[in-house]
C-alpha atoms as a PDB file:
ATOM      1  CA  MET A   1       5.370   8.654 -45.678  1.00  0.00           C
ATOM      2  CA  THR A   2       4.104   5.549 -43.562  1.00  0.00           C
ATOM      3  CA  GLN A   3       0.420   5.331 -42.683  1.00  0.00           C
ATOM      4  CA  ASN A   4       0.853   4.725 -39.166  1.00  0.00           C
ATOM      5  CA  PRO A   5       3.723   6.669 -38.085  1.00  0.00           C
ATOM      6  CA  ILE A   6       4.933   7.441 -34.424  1.00  0.00           C
ATOM      7  CA  TYR A   7       5.626  10.785 -33.626  1.00  0.00           C
ATOM      8  CA  SER A   8       7.720  12.401 -30.798  1.00  0.00           C
ATOM      9  CA  GLN A   9       7.904  16.088 -28.996  1.00  0.00           C
ATOM     10  CA  THR A  10      10.555  18.330 -29.894  1.00  0.00           C
ATOM     11  CA  ASP A  11      12.328  20.555 -27.806  1.00  0.00           C
ATOM     12  CA  GLN A  12       9.977  23.347 -28.991  1.00  0.00           C
ATOM     13  CA  GLY A  13       7.134  21.131 -28.384  1.00  0.00           C
ATOM     14  CA  ARG A  14       8.172  20.351 -24.554  1.00  0.00           C
ATOM     15  CA  ALA A  15       8.733  24.348 -24.126  1.00  0.00           C
ATOM     16  CA  GLU A  16       5.192  24.888 -25.335  1.00  0.00           C
ATOM     17  CA  LEU A  17       3.597  22.393 -22.939  1.00  0.00           C
ATOM     18  CA  THR A  18       5.259  24.460 -19.940  1.00  0.00           C
ATOM     19  CA  ALA A  19       4.454  27.962 -21.350  1.00  0.00           C
ATOM     20  CA  ASP A  20       2.012  29.829 -19.921  1.00  0.00           C
ATOM     21  CA  PRO A  21       0.111  31.180 -21.987  1.00  0.00           C
ATOM     22  CA  GLY A  22       1.354  28.851 -24.688  1.00  0.00           C
ATOM     23  CA  LYS A  23       0.894  29.718 -28.399  1.00  0.00           C
ATOM     24  CA  LEU A  24      -1.204  26.798 -29.614  1.00  0.00           C
ATOM     25  CA  ALA A  25      -5.046  26.310 -29.227  1.00  0.00           C
ATOM     26  CA  ARG A  26      -6.103  24.179 -26.095  1.00  0.00           C
ATOM     27  CA  SER A  27      -6.928  21.121 -28.402  1.00  0.00           C
ATOM     28  CA  LEU A  28      -3.443  21.045 -30.184  1.00  0.00           C
ATOM     29  CA  ARG A  29      -1.664  21.353 -26.848  1.00  0.00           C
ATOM     30  CA  VAL A  30      -3.677  18.161 -25.579  1.00  0.00           C
ATOM     31  CA  LEU A  31      -2.813  16.303 -28.549  1.00  0.00           C
ATOM     32  CA  LEU A  32       0.764  17.487 -28.297  1.00  0.00           C
ATOM     33  CA  GLY A  33       0.876  16.407 -24.555  1.00  0.00           C
ATOM     34  CA  MET A  34      -0.380  12.782 -25.862  1.00  0.00           C
ATOM     35  CA  VAL A  35       2.669  12.297 -28.145  1.00  0.00           C
ATOM     36  CA  ASP A  36       5.086  10.254 -26.391  1.00  0.00           C
ATOM     37  CA  GLY A  37       7.442   8.969 -29.070  1.00  0.00           C
ATOM     38  CA  ARG A  38       5.731   5.440 -28.616  1.00  0.00           C
ATOM     39  CA  SER A  39       2.080   5.679 -29.763  1.00  0.00           C
ATOM     40  CA  THR A  40       1.212   5.440 -33.407  1.00  0.00           C
ATOM     41  CA  VAL A  41      -1.447   7.600 -34.919  1.00  0.00           C
ATOM     42  CA  ASP A  42      -3.882   4.835 -34.784  1.00  0.00           C
ATOM     43  CA  GLU A  43      -3.166   4.397 -30.996  1.00  0.00           C
ATOM     44  CA  LEU A  44      -3.566   8.183 -30.389  1.00  0.00           C
ATOM     45  CA  GLN A  45      -7.035   7.927 -32.042  1.00  0.00           C
ATOM     46  CA  ARG A  46      -7.941   5.219 -30.132  1.00  0.00           C
ATOM     47  CA  LYS A  47      -7.105   7.075 -26.839  1.00  0.00           C
ATOM     48  CA  LEU A  48      -9.041  10.293 -28.251  1.00  0.00           C
ATOM     49  CA  GLY A  49     -12.245   8.211 -29.113  1.00  0.00           C
ATOM     50  CA  ASN A  50     -14.555   9.717 -31.641  1.00  0.00           C
ATOM     51  CA  VAL A  51     -11.975  11.897 -33.616  1.00  0.00           C
ATOM     52  CA  ASP A  52     -11.962  12.149 -37.391  1.00  0.00           C
ATOM     53  CA  PRO A  53      -8.653  10.134 -38.462  1.00  0.00           C
ATOM     54  CA  GLU A  54      -8.023  12.688 -41.367  1.00  0.00           C
ATOM     55  CA  LYS A  55      -8.509  15.751 -38.959  1.00  0.00           C
ATOM     56  CA  LEU A  56      -6.051  13.886 -36.478  1.00  0.00           C
ATOM     57  CA  ARG A  57      -3.449  13.255 -39.163  1.00  0.00           C
ATOM     58  CA  ALA A  58      -3.712  16.800 -40.403  1.00  0.00           C
ATOM     59  CA  ALA A  59      -3.247  18.276 -36.687  1.00  0.00           C
ATOM     60  CA  LEU A  60      -0.081  15.837 -36.260  1.00  0.00           C
ATOM     61  CA  GLN A  61       1.101  16.850 -39.586  1.00  0.00           C
ATOM     62  CA  SER A  62       0.479  20.744 -38.804  1.00  0.00           C
ATOM     63  CA  LEU A  63       2.455  20.138 -35.307  1.00  0.00           C
ATOM     64  CA  ALA A  64       5.467  18.640 -37.287  1.00  0.00           C
ATOM     65  CA  ALA A  65       5.185  21.275 -39.896  1.00  0.00           C
ATOM     66  CA  HIS A  66       5.630  24.087 -36.941  1.00  0.00           C
ATOM     67  CA  GLY A  67       8.484  22.266 -35.285  1.00  0.00           C
ATOM     68  CA  TYR A  68       6.356  20.812 -32.041  1.00  0.00           C
ATOM     69  CA  VAL A  69       6.709  17.128 -32.981  1.00  0.00           C
ATOM     70  CA  ALA A  70       9.195  15.223 -35.309  1.00  0.00           C
ATOM     71  CA  LEU A  71       8.625  11.892 -37.127  1.00  0.00           C
ATOM     72  CA  ALA A  72       9.962   9.276 -34.824  1.00  0.00           C
ATOM     73  CA  LYS A  73       9.684   5.931 -36.518  1.00  0.00           C
ATOM     74  CA  ALA A  74       7.314   3.617 -38.338  1.00  0.00           C
ATOM     75  CA  ALA A  75       5.102   1.269 -36.249  1.00  0.00           C
ATOM     76  CA  GLU A  76       6.345  -2.446 -36.589  1.00  0.00           C
ATOM     77  CA  PRO A  77       3.668  -5.212 -36.806  1.00  0.00           C
ATOM     78  CA  ALA A  78       3.451  -6.538 -33.391  1.00  0.00           C
ATOM     79  CA  GLY A  79       2.906 -10.084 -33.964  1.00  0.00           C
ATOM     80  CA  GLU A  80       3.282 -12.986 -31.845  1.00  0.00           C
ATOM     81  CA  ILE A  81       6.259 -12.069 -29.350  1.00  0.00           C
ATOM     82  CA  ASP A  82       7.145 -14.488 -26.342  1.00  0.00           C
ATOM     83  CA  PHE A  83       6.915 -12.262 -23.459  1.00  0.00           C
ATOM     84  CA  ALA A  84       9.322 -14.605 -21.261  1.00  0.00           C
ATOM     85  CA  SER A  85      11.974 -14.174 -24.386  1.00  0.00           C
ATOM     86  CA  PHE A  86      11.310 -10.407 -24.643  1.00  0.00           C
ATOM     87  CA  MET A  87      12.092 -10.118 -20.901  1.00  0.00           C
ATOM     88  CA  GLY A  88      15.625 -11.583 -21.501  1.00  0.00           C
ATOM     89  CA  GLN A  89      16.499  -8.727 -23.516  1.00  0.00           C
ATOM     90  CA  PRO A  90      18.396  -5.392 -22.184  1.00  0.00           C
ATOM     91  CA  ILE A  91      16.138  -2.671 -20.510  1.00  0.00           C
ATOM     92  CA  GLN A  92      16.650   0.664 -21.823  1.00  0.00           C
ATOM     93  CA  THR A  93      18.084   3.033 -19.201  1.00  0.00           C
ATOM     94  CA  PRO A  94      15.831   5.939 -18.385  1.00  0.00           C
ATOM     95  CA  THR A  95      17.005   9.599 -19.148  1.00  0.00           C
ATOM     96  CA  ALA A  96      17.776  12.267 -16.806  1.00  0.00           C
ATOM     97  CA  GLU A  97      15.005  14.039 -18.351  1.00  0.00           C
ATOM     98  CA  GLN A  98      12.584  11.179 -17.811  1.00  0.00           C
ATOM     99  CA  LYS A  99      13.799  11.022 -14.047  1.00  0.00           C
ATOM    100  CA  ARG A 100      13.215  14.775 -13.439  1.00  0.00           C
ATOM    101  CA  ASP A 101       9.811  14.741 -15.326  1.00  0.00           C
ATOM    102  CA  ALA A 102       8.721  11.422 -13.047  1.00  0.00           C
ATOM    103  CA  GLU A 103       9.898  13.746  -9.783  1.00  0.00           C
ATOM    104  CA  GLN A 104       8.010  16.553 -11.147  1.00  0.00           C
ATOM    105  CA  LYS A 105       4.904  14.497 -11.359  1.00  0.00           C
ATOM    106  CA  THR A 106       5.266  13.048  -8.020  1.00  0.00           C
ATOM    107  CA  LEU A 107       5.195  16.529  -6.511  1.00  0.00           C
ATOM    108  CA  SER A 108       2.548  18.285  -8.421  1.00  0.00           C
ATOM    109  CA  GLY A 109       0.609  15.166 -10.003  1.00  0.00           C
ATOM    110  CA  MET A 110      -2.670  15.669 -11.614  1.00  0.00           C
ATOM    111  CA  ARG A 111      -4.735  14.165  -8.829  1.00  0.00           C
ATOM    112  CA  SER A 112      -3.203  13.162  -5.464  1.00  0.00           C
ATOM    113  CA  LEU A 113      -4.246  12.406  -1.914  1.00  0.00           C
ATOM    114  CA  LYS A 114      -2.266  11.615   0.918  1.00  0.00           C
ATOM    115  CA  SER A 115      -3.928  10.898   4.375  1.00  0.00           C
ATOM    116  CA  SER A 116      -2.841   8.620   7.260  1.00  0.00           C
ATOM    117  CA  GLY A 117      -0.113   7.017   5.218  1.00  0.00           C
ATOM    118  CA  TYR A 118      -2.323   6.212   2.168  1.00  0.00           C
ATOM    119  CA  PHE A 119      -1.356   7.540  -1.204  1.00  0.00           C
ATOM    120  CA  VAL A 120      -2.886   7.793  -4.913  1.00  0.00           C
ATOM    121  CA  ASN A 121      -1.097   9.637  -7.672  1.00  0.00           C
ATOM    122  CA  ILE A 122      -2.666   9.430 -11.182  1.00  0.00           C
ATOM    123  CA  VAL A 123      -0.278  11.256 -13.401  1.00  0.00           C
ATOM    124  CA  SER A 124      -1.720  10.660 -16.772  1.00  0.00           C
ATOM    125  CA  ARG A 125      -5.201  10.202 -18.010  1.00  0.00           C
ATOM    126  CA  PRO A 126      -6.504   9.813 -21.498  1.00  0.00           C
ATOM    127  CA  ALA A 127      -8.292  13.123 -23.250  1.00  0.00           C
ATOM    128  CA  GLY A 128     -11.415  10.894 -23.843  1.00  0.00           C
ATOM    129  CA  ARG A 129     -12.987   7.715 -23.357  1.00  0.00           C
ATOM    130  CA  VAL A 130     -10.819   4.543 -24.232  1.00  0.00           C
ATOM    131  CA  ARG A 131     -12.612   2.073 -26.092  1.00  0.00           C
ATOM    132  CA  PRO A 132     -12.464  -1.635 -24.782  1.00  0.00           C
ATOM    133  CA  ARG A 133     -10.213  -3.594 -27.064  1.00  0.00           C
ATOM    134  CA  ALA A 134     -12.309  -6.554 -27.130  1.00  0.00           C
ATOM    135  CA  GLY A 135     -16.471  -6.540 -26.852  1.00  0.00           C
ATOM    136  CA  GLU A 136     -18.136  -4.089 -24.485  1.00  0.00           C
ATOM    137  CA  GLN A 137     -16.656  -4.978 -21.559  1.00  0.00           C
ATOM    138  CA  TYR A 138     -13.524  -3.655 -20.010  1.00  0.00           C
ATOM    139  CA  SER A 139     -10.643  -5.989 -19.069  1.00  0.00           C
ATOM    140  CA  VAL A 140      -8.335  -5.765 -16.248  1.00  0.00           C
ATOM    141  CA  LEU A 141      -5.056  -7.926 -15.456  1.00  0.00           C
ATOM    142  CA  ILE A 142      -3.950  -8.243 -12.105  1.00  0.00           C
ATOM    143  CA  LEU A 143      -0.191  -9.015 -11.534  1.00  0.00           C
ATOM    144  CA  ASP A 144       0.457  -9.308  -7.763  1.00  0.00           C
ATOM    145  CA  GLY A 145       2.193 -12.036  -5.553  1.00  0.00           C
ATOM    146  CA  ASP A 146       0.083 -11.108  -2.665  1.00  0.00           C
ATOM    147  CA  GLN A 147      -3.118 -13.460  -3.362  1.00  0.00           C
ATOM    148  CA  ALA A 148      -5.195 -11.991  -0.496  1.00  0.00           C
ATOM    149  CA  ASN A 149      -4.806  -8.406  -2.024  1.00  0.00           C
ATOM    150  CA  ALA A 150      -5.371  -9.956  -5.447  1.00  0.00           C
ATOM    151  CA  LEU A 151      -8.397 -11.382  -4.477  1.00  0.00           C
ATOM    152  CA  ALA A 152      -9.933  -8.194  -2.831  1.00  0.00           C
ATOM    153  CA  VAL A 153      -9.246  -6.096  -5.976  1.00  0.00           C
ATOM    154  CA  ALA A 154     -10.432  -8.603  -8.301  1.00  0.00           C
ATOM    155  CA  ARG A 155     -13.807  -8.754  -6.262  1.00  0.00           C
ATOM    156  CA  ALA A 156     -14.084  -5.104  -6.345  1.00  0.00           C
ATOM    157  CA  LEU A 157     -13.371  -4.981 -10.207  1.00  0.00           C
ATOM    158  CA  MET A 158     -15.792  -7.785 -10.679  1.00  0.00           C
ATOM    159  CA  LEU A 159     -18.694  -6.138  -8.672  1.00  0.00           C
ATOM    160  CA  ALA A 160     -18.031  -3.038 -10.811  1.00  0.00           C
ATOM    161  CA  LYS A 161     -18.656  -5.374 -13.897  1.00  0.00           C
ATOM    162  CA  PHE A 162     -15.225  -5.307 -15.230  1.00  0.00           C
ATOM    163  CA  GLU A 163     -13.740  -8.582 -16.894  1.00  0.00           C
ATOM    164  CA  VAL A 164     -10.582  -9.749 -14.595  1.00  0.00           C
ATOM    165  CA  ARG A 165      -7.499 -11.819 -15.204  1.00  0.00           C
ATOM    166  CA  SER A 166      -4.956 -12.404 -12.426  1.00  0.00           C
ATOM    167  CA  ALA A 167      -1.713 -13.952 -12.065  1.00  0.00           C
ATOM    168  CA  SER A 168       0.810 -14.313  -9.241  1.00  0.00           C
ATOM    169  CA  ARG A 169       3.560 -16.862  -9.766  1.00  0.00           C
ATOM    170  CA  PRO A 170       6.065 -16.013 -12.474  1.00  0.00           C
ATOM    171  CA  ASP A 171       5.003 -19.118 -14.981  1.00  0.00           C
ATOM    172  CA  GLN A 172       1.293 -17.435 -14.578  1.00  0.00           C
ATOM    173  CA  ILE A 173       2.462 -13.948 -15.050  1.00  0.00           C
ATOM    174  CA  MET A 174       4.393 -14.841 -18.326  1.00  0.00           C
ATOM    175  CA  ALA A 175       1.250 -17.104 -19.573  1.00  0.00           C
ATOM    176  CA  GLU A 176      -1.033 -14.101 -19.211  1.00  0.00           C
ATOM    177  CA  LEU A 177       1.374 -11.674 -20.637  1.00  0.00           C
ATOM    178  CA  ASN A 178       1.438 -14.064 -23.812  1.00  0.00           C
ATOM    179  CA  LYS A 179      -2.439 -13.521 -24.206  1.00  0.00           C
ATOM    180  CA  PRO A 180      -4.139 -10.489 -25.803  1.00  0.00           C
ATOM    181  CA  ALA A 181      -3.391  -7.272 -24.132  1.00  0.00           C
ATOM    182  CA  PRO A 182      -6.139  -6.183 -21.520  1.00  0.00           C
ATOM    183  CA  ASP A 183      -7.696  -2.888 -21.000  1.00  0.00           C
ATOM    184  CA  LEU A 184      -5.766  -2.024 -18.028  1.00  0.00           C
ATOM    185  CA  ILE A 185      -3.083  -3.467 -15.758  1.00  0.00           C
ATOM    186  CA  LEU A 186      -2.833  -3.433 -12.124  1.00  0.00           C
ATOM    187  CA  MET A 187       0.465  -4.710 -10.879  1.00  0.00           C
ATOM    188  CA  ASP A 188       2.690  -4.682  -7.691  1.00  0.00           C
ATOM    189  CA  VAL A 189       6.416  -3.995  -8.093  1.00  0.00           C
ATOM    190  CA  MET A 190       7.123  -6.685  -5.633  1.00  0.00           C
ATOM    191  CA  LEU A 191       6.522  -9.908  -7.678  1.00  0.00           C
ATOM    192  CA  PRO A 192       7.871 -13.298  -6.561  1.00  0.00           C
ATOM    193  CA  GLU A 193      11.245 -14.159  -8.537  1.00  0.00           C
ATOM    194  CA  LEU A 194      10.610 -11.341 -10.854  1.00  0.00           C
ATOM    195  CA  VAL A 195      11.656  -7.617 -10.461  1.00  0.00           C
ATOM    196  CA  GLY A 196       8.483  -5.818 -10.959  1.00  0.00           C
ATOM    197  CA  LEU A 197      10.150  -2.608 -12.609  1.00  0.00           C
ATOM    198  CA  ASP A 198      11.849  -4.941 -15.051  1.00  0.00           C
ATOM    199  CA  VAL A 199       8.453  -6.288 -16.058  1.00  0.00           C
ATOM    200  CA  LEU A 200       7.179  -2.529 -16.063  1.00  0.00           C
ATOM    201  CA  ALA A 201       9.821  -1.361 -18.373  1.00  0.00           C
ATOM    202  CA  LYS A 202       9.422  -4.169 -20.577  1.00  0.00           C
ATOM    203  CA  LEU A 203       5.650  -3.764 -20.849  1.00  0.00           C
ATOM    204  CA  ARG A 204       6.265  -0.233 -22.051  1.00  0.00           C
ATOM    205  CA  GLU A 205       8.803  -1.566 -24.781  1.00  0.00           C
ATOM    206  CA  HIS A 206       6.542  -4.406 -25.903  1.00  0.00           C
ATOM    207  CA  PRO A 207       4.477  -3.535 -28.955  1.00  0.00           C
ATOM    208  CA  ASN A 208       1.382  -5.275 -27.508  1.00  0.00           C
ATOM    209  CA  PHE A 209       1.607  -3.519 -24.220  1.00  0.00           C
ATOM    210  CA  LYS A 210       3.203  -0.256 -24.516  1.00  0.00           C
ATOM    211  CA  THR A 211      -0.068   1.910 -24.475  1.00  0.00           C
ATOM    212  CA  VAL A 212      -1.927  -0.141 -21.998  1.00  0.00           C
ATOM    213  CA  PRO A 213      -2.423   1.712 -18.869  1.00  0.00           C
ATOM    214  CA  VAL A 214      -0.673   0.494 -15.781  1.00  0.00           C
ATOM    215  CA  LEU A 215      -1.726   1.387 -12.395  1.00  0.00           C
ATOM    216  CA  ILE A 216       0.861   0.289  -9.711  1.00  0.00           C
ATOM    217  CA  VAL A 217      -0.746  -1.143  -6.247  1.00  0.00           C
ATOM    218  CA  THR A 218       1.683  -1.562  -3.747  1.00  0.00           C
ATOM    219  CA  GLY A 219       2.823  -1.631  -0.196  1.00  0.00           C
ATOM    220  CA  ARG A 220       6.146   0.828  -0.974  1.00  0.00           C
ATOM    221  CA  ALA A 221       5.064   4.031  -0.773  1.00  0.00           C
ATOM    222  CA  GLU A 222       8.361   5.937  -0.503  1.00  0.00           C
ATOM    223  CA  GLN A 223       8.844   8.918  -3.080  1.00  0.00           C
ATOM    224  CA  ASP A 224      11.620   7.220  -4.561  1.00  0.00           C
ATOM    225  CA  ASP A 225       9.698   4.296  -5.136  1.00  0.00           C
ATOM    226  CA  VAL A 226       6.816   6.288  -6.907  1.00  0.00           C
ATOM    227  CA  VAL A 227       9.233   7.942  -8.753  1.00  0.00           C
ATOM    228  CA  ALA A 228      11.036   4.709 -10.025  1.00  0.00           C
ATOM    229  CA  ALA A 229       7.636   3.438 -10.857  1.00  0.00           C
ATOM    230  CA  LEU A 230       6.898   6.540 -13.001  1.00  0.00           C
ATOM    231  CA  VAL A 231      10.091   6.576 -14.767  1.00  0.00           C
ATOM    232  CA  TYR A 232       9.592   3.097 -16.151  1.00  0.00           C
ATOM    233  CA  GLY A 233       6.083   4.061 -17.424  1.00  0.00           C
ATOM    234  CA  ALA A 234       3.435   3.690 -14.767  1.00  0.00           C
ATOM    235  CA  ASN A 235       0.261   5.881 -15.492  1.00  0.00           C
ATOM    236  CA  GLY A 236      -0.412   5.817 -11.598  1.00  0.00           C
ATOM    237  CA  TYR A 237       0.250   4.653  -8.225  1.00  0.00           C
ATOM    238  CA  MET A 238      -1.654   3.649  -4.983  1.00  0.00           C
ATOM    239  CA  THR A 239      -0.708   1.894  -1.814  1.00  0.00           C
ATOM    240  CA  LYS A 240      -1.945  -1.074   0.064  1.00  0.00           C
ATOM    241  CA  PRO A 241      -4.205  -1.896   1.698  1.00  0.00           C
ATOM    242  CA  VAL A 242      -6.403  -0.991  -1.250  1.00  0.00           C
ATOM    243  CA  LYS A 243      -9.559   1.092  -0.783  1.00  0.00           C
ATOM    244  CA  PRO A 244     -12.275  -0.061  -3.216  1.00  0.00           C
ATOM    245  CA  GLU A 245     -13.763   3.326  -3.922  1.00  0.00           C
ATOM    246  CA  ALA A 246     -10.223   4.992  -4.688  1.00  0.00           C
ATOM    247  CA  LEU A 247      -9.326   1.873  -6.801  1.00  0.00           C
ATOM    248  CA  LEU A 248     -12.397   2.066  -8.840  1.00  0.00           C
ATOM    249  CA  GLU A 249     -12.072   5.929  -9.109  1.00  0.00           C
ATOM    250  CA  SER A 250      -8.558   5.484 -10.472  1.00  0.00           C
ATOM    251  CA  VAL A 251      -9.307   2.744 -12.902  1.00  0.00           C
ATOM    252  CA  ARG A 252     -12.049   4.647 -14.273  1.00  0.00           C
ATOM    253  CA  THR A 253      -9.924   7.873 -14.530  1.00  0.00           C
ATOM    254  CA  LEU A 254      -7.341   5.701 -16.559  1.00  0.00           C
ATOM    255  CA  LEU A 255      -9.691   4.369 -18.874  1.00  0.00           C
ATOM    256  CA  GLY A 256     -11.645   7.731 -19.467  1.00  0.00           C
ATOM    257  CA  LEU A 257     -14.945   6.397 -18.050  1.00  0.00           C
ATOM    258  CA  GLY A 258     -17.109   9.048 -17.295  1.00  0.00           C
ATOM    259  CA  GLN A 259     -15.908  11.339 -20.118  1.00  0.00           C
ATOM    260  CA  ALA A 260     -17.466  12.318 -23.402  1.00  0.00           C
END
């Protein structure tokens, strides 16, 4: 068996997650919910934090033995993949199930706030604190053609001690996406000369970015826009103008900061 497999939920596994009460212990249900058909065992361990790797593998094998998950495929080495060339490849069309799931998350997200036209929706969060990919400081990449908004967001993040990178033009965006992946990406779906949802979709297919949390920050607040962003893999969504307190809370939530 491959040393770094990827598991996906089965129909039985998805049914277990919606059952009340379910048959599995809480810890196994949490792990089952994290199985997404994209994350390798090593990536799941990174999301969970201080978890014994052998116990994690044993738990996944137990879920597989009881029919809740199935082996999807082996992870391929990431290597150096030019993102601009990667963008030229066909985009996978979301399934009807993915669309239904996104619609449900929009209606009953894990955290939502809507008042005076301002909307925040964080639909997925890690089970524990996510470790920085490099060093001790968390890095955030901002992809936004609205330079005034990008500066405001960058300032709030830097004051909170995050390392910040940003890009607004297509050439800058492609250059940043050819660098090592950040810990989190903040992006607008309205990007100059680029289709933001296409970029998001390719981030979720790219081996270097597929598990990086993505928070959409945009002026488009209609439900259809939110659903589209979630279908293509966004972890959360918030509208402009950005409120620094809500921004920082959302970023910290997606990185598991404040959790044990």
